[in-house]
């Protein structure tokens, strides 16, 4: 059983840097269980979703209905349409 890591409260950044520089994490954790962390892959997986511009023809009365409903909800009508598209997929 590894010992519990107790992290003290640091008064300065230098004190914190010194603590982490001197510590051996192998005393507290099973190093073989560590997994490689790929920052680039992580950022790709957690990036904001991209959007794609499309052009479609929608009957005017439907667009007017969305505009009216969006106005009641105090939001842009295109956002309302996107929400409903996302729910339907």
PDB file of N, CA and C in Angstrom:
ATOM      1  N   UNK A   1       0.854  -1.191   0.000  1.00  0.00           N
ATOM      2  CA  UNK A   1       0.000   0.000   0.000  1.00  0.00           C
ATOM      3  C   UNK A   1       0.889   1.241   0.000  1.00  0.00           C
ATOM      4  N   UNK A   2       0.623   2.112  -0.915  1.00  0.00           N
ATOM      5  CA  UNK A   2       1.388   3.345  -0.998  1.00  0.00           C
ATOM      6  C   UNK A   2       0.887   4.320   0.052  1.00  0.00           C
ATOM      7  N   UNK A   3       1.766   5.244   0.444  1.00  0.00           N
ATOM      8  CA  UNK A   3       1.346   6.222   1.436  1.00  0.00           C
ATOM      9  C   UNK A   3       0.500   7.317   0.788  1.00  0.00           C
ATOM     10  N   UNK A   4      -0.304   7.981   1.607  1.00  0.00           N
ATOM     11  CA  UNK A   4      -1.215   9.009   1.117  1.00  0.00           C
ATOM     12  C   UNK A   4      -0.455  10.303   0.855  1.00  0.00           C
ATOM     13  N   UNK A   5      -0.717  10.896  -0.270  1.00  0.00           N
ATOM     14  CA  UNK A   5      -0.088  12.164  -0.630  1.00  0.00           C
ATOM     15  C   UNK A   5      -0.828  13.304   0.046  1.00  0.00           C
ATOM     16  N   UNK A   6      -0.119  14.036   0.882  1.00  0.00           N
ATOM     17  CA  UNK A   6      -0.691  15.207   1.553  1.00  0.00           C
ATOM     18  C   UNK A   6      -0.024  16.434   0.943  1.00  0.00           C
ATOM     19  N   UNK A   7      -0.834  17.271   0.325  1.00  0.00           N
ATOM     20  CA  UNK A   7      -0.311  18.472  -0.320  1.00  0.00           C
ATOM     21  C   UNK A   7      -0.502  19.645   0.642  1.00  0.00           C
ATOM     22  N   UNK A   8       0.588  20.277   1.046  1.00  0.00           N
ATOM     23  CA  UNK A   8       0.474  21.388   1.997  1.00  0.00           C
ATOM     24  C   UNK A   8      -0.048  22.655   1.324  1.00  0.00           C
ATOM     25  N   UNK A   9      -0.421  23.616   2.134  1.00  0.00           N
ATOM     26  CA  UNK A   9      -0.791  24.936   1.611  1.00  0.00           C
ATOM     27  C   UNK A   9       0.509  25.695   1.388  1.00  0.00           C
ATOM     28  N   UNK A  10       0.647  26.275   0.233  1.00  0.00           N
ATOM     29  CA  UNK A  10       1.881  26.970  -0.112  1.00  0.00           C
ATOM     30  C   UNK A  10       1.717  28.475   0.092  1.00  0.00           C
ATOM     31  N   UNK A  11       2.768  29.086   0.600  1.00  0.00           N
ATOM     32  CA  UNK A  11       2.751  30.539   0.812  1.00  0.00           C
ATOM     33  C   UNK A  11       3.184  31.278  -0.446  1.00  0.00           C
ATOM     34  N   UNK A  12       4.056  30.638  -1.235  1.00  0.00           N
ATOM     35  CA  UNK A  12       4.562  31.281  -2.455  1.00  0.00           C
ATOM     36  C   UNK A  12       4.611  30.261  -3.587  1.00  0.00           C
ATOM     37  N   UNK A  13       4.713  30.757  -4.783  1.00  0.00           N
ATOM     38  CA  UNK A  13       4.860  29.881  -5.957  1.00  0.00           C
ATOM     39  C   UNK A  13       6.178  29.116  -5.870  1.00  0.00           C
ATOM     40  N   UNK A  14       7.208  29.793  -5.409  1.00  0.00           N
ATOM     41  CA  UNK A  14       8.511  29.149  -5.297  1.00  0.00           C
ATOM     42  C   UNK A  14       8.450  27.956  -4.346  1.00  0.00           C
ATOM     43  N   UNK A  15       7.737  28.124  -3.235  1.00  0.00           N
ATOM     44  CA  UNK A  15       7.568  27.039  -2.275  1.00  0.00           C
ATOM     45  C   UNK A  15       6.860  25.857  -2.928  1.00  0.00           C
ATOM     46  N   UNK A  16       5.843  26.146  -3.741  1.00  0.00           N
ATOM     47  CA  UNK A  16       5.113  25.080  -4.435  1.00  0.00           C
ATOM     48  C   UNK A  16       6.012  24.389  -5.460  1.00  0.00           C
ATOM     49  N   UNK A  17       6.743  25.182  -6.239  1.00  0.00           N
ATOM     50  CA  UNK A  17       7.646  24.605  -7.235  1.00  0.00           C
ATOM     51  C   UNK A  17       8.658  23.679  -6.571  1.00  0.00           C
ATOM     52  N   UNK A  18       9.199  24.113  -5.438  1.00  0.00           N
ATOM     53  CA  UNK A  18      10.184  23.315  -4.724  1.00  0.00           C
ATOM     54  C   UNK A  18       9.576  21.998  -4.243  1.00  0.00           C
ATOM     55  N   UNK A  19       8.353  22.062  -3.738  1.00  0.00           N
ATOM     56  CA  UNK A  19       7.667  20.850  -3.271  1.00  0.00           C
ATOM     57  C   UNK A  19       7.528  19.840  -4.395  1.00  0.00           C
ATOM     58  N   UNK A  20       6.993  20.290  -5.543  1.00  0.00           N
ATOM     59  CA  UNK A  20       6.752  19.366  -6.655  1.00  0.00           C
ATOM     60  C   UNK A  20       8.050  18.898  -7.299  1.00  0.00           C
ATOM     61  N   UNK A  21       9.084  19.722  -7.212  1.00  0.00           N
ATOM     62  CA  UNK A  21      10.365  19.342  -7.795  1.00  0.00           C
ATOM     63  C   UNK A  21      11.028  18.223  -6.994  1.00  0.00           C
ATOM     64  N   UNK A  22      10.828  18.218  -5.687  1.00  0.00           N
ATOM     65  CA  UNK A  22      11.494  17.250  -4.816  1.00  0.00           C
ATOM     66  C   UNK A  22      10.693  15.972  -4.600  1.00  0.00           C
ATOM     67  N   UNK A  23       9.419  15.983  -4.885  1.00  0.00           N
ATOM     68  CA  UNK A  23       8.567  14.837  -4.559  1.00  0.00           C
ATOM     69  C   UNK A  23       8.743  13.711  -5.583  1.00  0.00           C
ATOM     70  N   UNK A  24       8.670  12.477  -5.098  1.00  0.00           N
ATOM     71  CA  UNK A  24       8.720  11.294  -5.955  1.00  0.00           C
ATOM     72  C   UNK A  24       7.327  10.663  -5.937  1.00  0.00           C
ATOM     73  N   UNK A  25       6.571  10.850  -7.008  1.00  0.00           N
ATOM     74  CA  UNK A  25       5.195  10.347  -7.043  1.00  0.00           C
ATOM     75  C   UNK A  25       5.128   8.824  -6.951  1.00  0.00           C
ATOM     76  N   UNK A  26       6.229   8.150  -7.239  1.00  0.00           N
ATOM     77  CA  UNK A  26       6.274   6.703  -7.128  1.00  0.00           C
ATOM     78  C   UNK A  26       6.065   6.224  -5.695  1.00  0.00           C
ATOM     79  N   UNK A  27       6.329   7.093  -4.729  1.00  0.00           N
ATOM     80  CA  UNK A  27       6.101   6.741  -3.326  1.00  0.00           C
ATOM     81  C   UNK A  27       4.613   6.760  -2.974  1.00  0.00           C
ATOM     82  N   UNK A  28       3.823   7.408  -3.795  1.00  0.00           N
ATOM     83  CA  UNK A  28       2.406   7.596  -3.488  1.00  0.00           C
ATOM     84  C   UNK A  28       1.466   6.871  -4.443  1.00  0.00           C
ATOM     85  N   UNK A  29       1.930   6.623  -5.644  1.00  0.00           N
ATOM     86  CA  UNK A  29       1.086   6.001  -6.667  1.00  0.00           C
ATOM     87  C   UNK A  29       1.857   4.890  -7.360  1.00  0.00           C
ATOM     88  N   UNK A  30       1.119   3.915  -7.859  1.00  0.00           N
ATOM     89  CA  UNK A  30       1.715   2.852  -8.632  1.00  0.00           C
ATOM     90  C   UNK A  30       1.991   3.406 -10.031  1.00  0.00           C
ATOM     91  N   UNK A  31       3.237   3.721 -10.303  1.00  0.00           N
ATOM     92  CA  UNK A  31       3.612   4.393 -11.541  1.00  0.00           C
ATOM     93  C   UNK A  31       3.245   3.566 -12.770  1.00  0.00           C
ATOM     94  N   UNK A  32       3.214   2.253 -12.647  1.00  0.00           N
ATOM     95  CA  UNK A  32       2.885   1.418 -13.802  1.00  0.00           C
ATOM     96  C   UNK A  32       1.432   1.615 -14.248  1.00  0.00           C
ATOM     97  N   UNK A  33       0.598   2.176 -13.367  1.00  0.00           N
ATOM     98  CA  UNK A  33      -0.792   2.407 -13.742  1.00  0.00           C
ATOM     99  C   UNK A  33      -0.981   3.746 -14.459  1.00  0.00           C
ATOM    100  N   UNK A  34       0.081   4.549 -14.505  1.00  0.00           N
ATOM    101  CA  UNK A  34      -0.025   5.838 -15.191  1.00  0.00           C
ATOM    102  C   UNK A  34      -0.220   5.607 -16.680  1.00  0.00           C
ATOM    103  N   UNK A  35      -1.025   6.438 -17.300  1.00  0.00           N
ATOM    104  CA  UNK A  35      -1.260   6.340 -18.739  1.00  0.00           C
ATOM    105  C   UNK A  35      -0.642   7.547 -19.422  1.00  0.00           C
ATOM    106  N   UNK A  36      -0.171   7.327 -20.630  1.00  0.00           N
ATOM    107  CA  UNK A  36       0.387   8.428 -21.408  1.00  0.00           C
ATOM    108  C   UNK A  36      -0.715   9.442 -21.713  1.00  0.00           C
ATOM    109  N   UNK A  37      -0.411  10.709 -21.530  1.00  0.00           N
ATOM    110  CA  UNK A  37      -1.379  11.769 -21.806  1.00  0.00           C
ATOM    111  C   UNK A  37      -0.945  12.492 -23.063  1.00  0.00           C
ATOM    112  N   UNK A  38      -1.783  12.437 -24.089  1.00  0.00           N
ATOM    113  CA  UNK A  38      -1.499  13.105 -25.355  1.00  0.00           C
ATOM    114  C   UNK A  38      -2.321  14.387 -25.403  1.00  0.00           C
ATOM    115  N   UNK A  39      -1.668  15.513 -25.162  1.00  0.00           N
ATOM    116  CA  UNK A  39      -2.368  16.800 -25.099  1.00  0.00           C
ATOM    117  C   UNK A  39      -3.059  17.127 -26.419  1.00  0.00           C
ATOM    118  N   UNK A  40      -2.394  16.892 -27.534  1.00  0.00           N
ATOM    119  CA  UNK A  40      -3.005  17.193 -28.834  1.00  0.00           C
ATOM    120  C   UNK A  40      -4.286  16.394 -29.040  1.00  0.00           C
ATOM    121  N   UNK A  41      -4.249  15.110 -28.706  1.00  0.00           N
ATOM    122  CA  UNK A  41      -5.432  14.263 -28.853  1.00  0.00           C
ATOM    123  C   UNK A  41      -6.550  14.735 -27.933  1.00  0.00           C
ATOM    124  N   UNK A  42      -6.195  15.084 -26.696  1.00  0.00           N
ATOM    125  CA  UNK A  42      -7.178  15.572 -25.737  1.00  0.00           C
ATOM    126  C   UNK A  42      -7.871  16.834 -26.255  1.00  0.00           C
ATOM    127  N   UNK A  43      -7.083  17.750 -26.787  1.00  0.00           N
ATOM    128  CA  UNK A  43      -7.656  19.002 -27.299  1.00  0.00           C
ATOM    129  C   UNK A  43      -8.557  18.752 -28.496  1.00  0.00           C
ATOM    130  N   UNK A  44      -8.188  17.801 -29.345  1.00  0.00           N
ATOM    131  CA  UNK A  44      -9.043  17.465 -30.489  1.00  0.00           C
ATOM    132  C   UNK A  44     -10.375  16.894 -30.022  1.00  0.00           C
ATOM    133  N   UNK A  45     -10.315  16.034 -29.019  1.00  0.00           N
ATOM    134  CA  UNK A  45     -11.533  15.384 -28.529  1.00  0.00           C
ATOM    135  C   UNK A  45     -12.434  16.341 -27.760  1.00  0.00           C
ATOM    136  N   UNK A  46     -11.865  17.369 -27.162  1.00  0.00           N
ATOM    137  CA  UNK A  46     -12.649  18.272 -26.326  1.00  0.00           C
ATOM    138  C   UNK A  46     -12.791  19.674 -26.908  1.00  0.00           C
ATOM    139  N   UNK A  47     -12.462  19.816 -28.173  1.00  0.00           N
ATOM    140  CA  UNK A  47     -12.598  21.116 -28.827  1.00  0.00           C
ATOM    141  C   UNK A  47     -14.078  21.444 -29.006  1.00  0.00           C
ATOM    142  N   UNK A  48     -14.337  22.720 -29.111  1.00  0.00           N
ATOM    143  CA  UNK A  48     -15.708  23.141 -29.386  1.00  0.00           C
ATOM    144  C   UNK A  48     -16.149  22.529 -30.707  1.00  0.00           C
ATOM    145  N   UNK A  49     -17.398  22.102 -30.780  1.00  0.00           N
ATOM    146  CA  UNK A  49     -17.858  21.517 -32.036  1.00  0.00           C
ATOM    147  C   UNK A  49     -17.804  22.541 -33.173  1.00  0.00           C
ATOM    148  N   UNK A  50     -17.407  22.076 -34.299  1.00  0.00           N
ATOM    149  CA  UNK A  50     -17.353  22.945 -35.479  1.00  0.00           C
ATOM    150  C   UNK A  50     -18.753  23.071 -36.068  1.00  0.00           C
ATOM    151  N   UNK A  51     -18.973  24.142 -36.762  1.00  0.00           N
ATOM    152  CA  UNK A  51     -20.254  24.320 -37.437  1.00  0.00           C
ATOM    153  C   UNK A  51     -20.019  24.353 -38.941  1.00  0.00           C
ATOM    154  N   UNK A  52     -21.053  24.005 -39.674  1.00  0.00           N
ATOM    155  CA  UNK A  52     -21.015  24.018 -41.130  1.00  0.00           C
ATOM    156  C   UNK A  52     -22.173  24.859 -41.633  1.00  0.00           C
ATOM    157  N   UNK A  53     -21.860  25.763 -42.522  1.00  0.00           N
ATOM    158  CA  UNK A  53     -22.902  26.604 -43.107  1.00  0.00           C
ATOM    159  C   UNK A  53     -23.615  25.807 -44.193  1.00  0.00           C
ATOM    160  N   UNK A  54     -24.945  25.812 -44.131  1.00  0.00           N
ATOM    161  CA  UNK A  54     -25.736  25.159 -45.175  1.00  0.00           C
ATOM    162  C   UNK A  54     -26.781  26.143 -45.683  1.00  0.00           C
ATOM    163  N   UNK A  55     -27.287  25.873 -46.842  1.00  0.00           N
ATOM    164  CA  UNK A  55     -28.358  26.684 -47.402  1.00  0.00           C
ATOM    165  C   UNK A  55     -29.510  25.765 -47.750  1.00  0.00           C
ATOM    166  N   UNK A  56     -30.675  26.039 -47.177  1.00  0.00           N
ATOM    167  CA  UNK A  56     -31.863  25.259 -47.508  1.00  0.00           C
ATOM    168  C   UNK A  56     -33.029  26.229 -47.699  1.00  0.00           C
ATOM    169  N   UNK A  57     -34.000  25.785 -48.420  1.00  0.00           N
ATOM    170  CA  UNK A  57     -35.219  26.575 -48.621  1.00  0.00           C
ATOM    171  C   UNK A  57     -36.285  26.048 -47.676  1.00  0.00           C
ATOM    172  N   UNK A  58     -36.827  26.928 -46.847  1.00  0.00           N
ATOM    173  CA  UNK A  58     -37.884  26.579 -45.903  1.00  0.00           C
ATOM    174  C   UNK A  58     -39.067  27.485 -46.201  1.00  0.00           C
ATOM    175  N   UNK A  59     -40.260  26.950 -46.201  1.00  0.00           N
ATOM    176  CA  UNK A  59     -41.426  27.795 -46.457  1.00  0.00           C
ATOM    177  C   UNK A  59     -41.476  28.994 -45.497  1.00  0.00           C
ATOM    178  N   UNK A  60     -41.840  30.131 -46.034  1.00  0.00           N
ATOM    179  CA  UNK A  60     -41.856  31.381 -45.275  1.00  0.00           C
ATOM    180  C   UNK A  60     -42.691  31.290 -44.006  1.00  0.00           C
ATOM    181  N   UNK A  61     -43.843  30.630 -44.087  1.00  0.00           N
ATOM    182  CA  UNK A  61     -44.708  30.553 -42.900  1.00  0.00           C
ATOM    183  C   UNK A  61     -44.040  29.788 -41.756  1.00  0.00           C
ATOM    184  N   UNK A  62     -43.206  28.798 -42.086  1.00  0.00           N
ATOM    185  CA  UNK A  62     -42.486  28.050 -41.042  1.00  0.00           C
ATOM    186  C   UNK A  62     -41.425  28.943 -40.404  1.00  0.00           C
ATOM    187  N   UNK A  63     -40.700  29.678 -41.236  1.00  0.00           N
ATOM    188  CA  UNK A  63     -39.678  30.592 -40.701  1.00  0.00           C
ATOM    189  C   UNK A  63     -40.338  31.639 -39.808  1.00  0.00           C
ATOM    190  N   UNK A  64     -41.477  32.163 -40.234  1.00  0.00           N
ATOM    191  CA  UNK A  64     -42.189  33.164 -39.427  1.00  0.00           C
ATOM    192  C   UNK A  64     -42.623  32.565 -38.089  1.00  0.00           C
ATOM    193  N   UNK A  65     -43.053  31.305 -38.099  1.00  0.00           N
ATOM    194  CA  UNK A  65     -43.441  30.641 -36.856  1.00  0.00           C
ATOM    195  C   UNK A  65     -42.251  30.511 -35.907  1.00  0.00           C
ATOM    196  N   UNK A  66     -41.103  30.146 -36.460  1.00  0.00           N
ATOM    197  CA  UNK A  66     -39.891  30.052 -35.635  1.00  0.00           C
ATOM    198  C   UNK A  66     -39.500  31.422 -35.082  1.00  0.00           C
ATOM    199  N   UNK A  67     -39.595  32.443 -35.907  1.00  0.00           N
ATOM    200  CA  UNK A  67     -39.240  33.790 -35.448  1.00  0.00           C
ATOM    201  C   UNK A  67     -40.160  34.235 -34.314  1.00  0.00           C
ATOM    202  N   UNK A  68     -41.435  33.926 -34.441  1.00  0.00           N
ATOM    203  CA  UNK A  68     -42.395  34.314 -33.400  1.00  0.00           C
ATOM    204  C   UNK A  68     -42.089  33.574 -32.101  1.00  0.00           C
ATOM    205  N   UNK A  69     -41.897  32.263 -32.193  1.00  0.00           N
ATOM    206  CA  UNK A  69     -41.612  31.456 -30.999  1.00  0.00           C
ATOM    207  C   UNK A  69     -40.287  31.884 -30.366  1.00  0.00           C
ATOM    208  N   UNK A  70     -39.281  32.132 -31.183  1.00  0.00           N
ATOM    209  CA  UNK A  70     -37.974  32.551 -30.674  1.00  0.00           C
ATOM    210  C   UNK A  70     -38.082  33.898 -29.969  1.00  0.00           C
ATOM    211  N   UNK A  71     -38.898  34.783 -30.517  1.00  0.00           N
ATOM    212  CA  UNK A  71     -39.103  36.088 -29.885  1.00  0.00           C
ATOM    213  C   UNK A  71     -39.732  35.930 -28.503  1.00  0.00           C
ATOM    214  N   UNK A  72     -40.692  35.013 -28.394  1.00  0.00           N
ATOM    215  CA  UNK A  72     -41.331  34.741 -27.101  1.00  0.00           C
ATOM    216  C   UNK A  72     -40.323  34.181 -26.100  1.00  0.00           C
ATOM    217  N   UNK A  73     -39.365  33.403 -26.606  1.00  0.00           N
ATOM    218  CA  UNK A  73     -38.342  32.802 -25.746  1.00  0.00           C
ATOM    219  C   UNK A  73     -37.123  33.709 -25.564  1.00  0.00           C
ATOM    220  N   UNK A  74     -37.153  34.863 -26.231  1.00  0.00           N
ATOM    221  CA  UNK A  74     -36.062  35.840 -26.185  1.00  0.00           C
ATOM    222  C   UNK A  74     -34.736  35.198 -26.608  1.00  0.00           C
ATOM    223  N   UNK A  75     -34.767  34.597 -27.794  1.00  0.00           N
ATOM    224  CA  UNK A  75     -33.566  33.978 -28.339  1.00  0.00           C
ATOM    225  C   UNK A  75     -33.574  34.118 -29.856  1.00  0.00           C
ATOM    226  N   UNK A  76     -32.429  34.010 -30.506  1.00  0.00           N
ATOM    227  CA  UNK A  76     -32.389  34.074 -31.970  1.00  0.00           C
ATOM    228  C   UNK A  76     -33.131  32.887 -32.593  1.00  0.00           C
ATOM    229  N   UNK A  77     -33.845  33.137 -33.679  1.00  0.00           N
ATOM    230  CA  UNK A  77     -34.645  32.067 -34.274  1.00  0.00           C
ATOM    231  C   UNK A  77     -33.778  30.953 -34.848  1.00  0.00           C
ATOM    232  N   UNK A  78     -32.583  31.287 -35.331  1.00  0.00           N
ATOM    233  CA  UNK A  78     -31.713  30.243 -35.867  1.00  0.00           C
ATOM    234  C   UNK A  78     -31.239  29.306 -34.751  1.00  0.00           C
ATOM    235  N   UNK A  79     -31.039  29.854 -33.556  1.00  0.00           N
ATOM    236  CA  UNK A  79     -30.657  29.006 -32.419  1.00  0.00           C
ATOM    237  C   UNK A  79     -31.789  28.054 -32.067  1.00  0.00           C
ATOM    238  N   UNK A  80     -33.015  28.542 -32.146  1.00  0.00           N
ATOM    239  CA  UNK A  80     -34.175  27.691 -31.861  1.00  0.00           C
ATOM    240  C   UNK A  80     -34.262  26.563 -32.885  1.00  0.00           C
ATOM    241  N   UNK A  81     -34.054  26.888 -34.141  1.00  0.00           N
ATOM    242  CA  UNK A  81     -34.082  25.871 -35.192  1.00  0.00           C
ATOM    243  C   UNK A  81     -32.980  24.839 -34.961  1.00  0.00           C
ATOM    244  N   UNK A  82     -31.764  25.297 -34.600  1.00  0.00           N
ATOM    245  CA  UNK A  82     -30.661  24.370 -34.344  1.00  0.00           C
ATOM    246  C   UNK A  82     -30.974  23.447 -33.169  1.00  0.00           C
ATOM    247  N   UNK A  83     -31.579  23.999 -32.121  1.00  0.00           N
ATOM    248  CA  UNK A  83     -31.956  23.172 -30.962  1.00  0.00           C
ATOM    249  C   UNK A  83     -32.925  22.070 -31.376  1.00  0.00           C
ATOM    250  N   UNK A  84     -33.921  22.452 -32.169  1.00  0.00           N
ATOM    251  CA  UNK A  84     -34.922  21.465 -32.563  1.00  0.00           C
ATOM    252  C   UNK A  84     -34.333  20.438 -33.531  1.00  0.00           C
ATOM    253  N   UNK A  85     -33.432  20.846 -34.378  1.00  0.00           N
ATOM    254  CA  UNK A  85     -32.755  19.892 -35.267  1.00  0.00           C
ATOM    255  C   UNK A  85     -31.948  18.908 -34.445  1.00  0.00           C
ATOM    256  N   UNK A  86     -31.248  19.391 -33.428  1.00  0.00           N
ATOM    257  CA  UNK A  86     -30.412  18.518 -32.591  1.00  0.00           C
ATOM    258  C   UNK A  86     -31.275  17.511 -31.840  1.00  0.00           C
ATOM    259  N   UNK A  87     -32.440  17.922 -31.391  1.00  0.00           N
ATOM    260  CA  UNK A  87     -33.338  17.000 -30.683  1.00  0.00           C
ATOM    261  C   UNK A  87     -33.875  15.915 -31.608  1.00  0.00           C
ATOM    262  N   UNK A  88     -34.040  16.261 -32.873  1.00  0.00           N
ATOM    263  CA  UNK A  88     -34.635  15.323 -33.822  1.00  0.00           C
ATOM    264  C   UNK A  88     -33.664  14.338 -34.410  1.00  0.00           C
ATOM    265  N   UNK A  89     -32.374  14.552 -34.212  1.00  0.00           N
ATOM    266  CA  UNK A  89     -31.378  13.665 -34.822  1.00  0.00           C
ATOM    267  C   UNK A  89     -31.141  12.465 -33.940  1.00  0.00           C
TER     268      UNK A  89
END
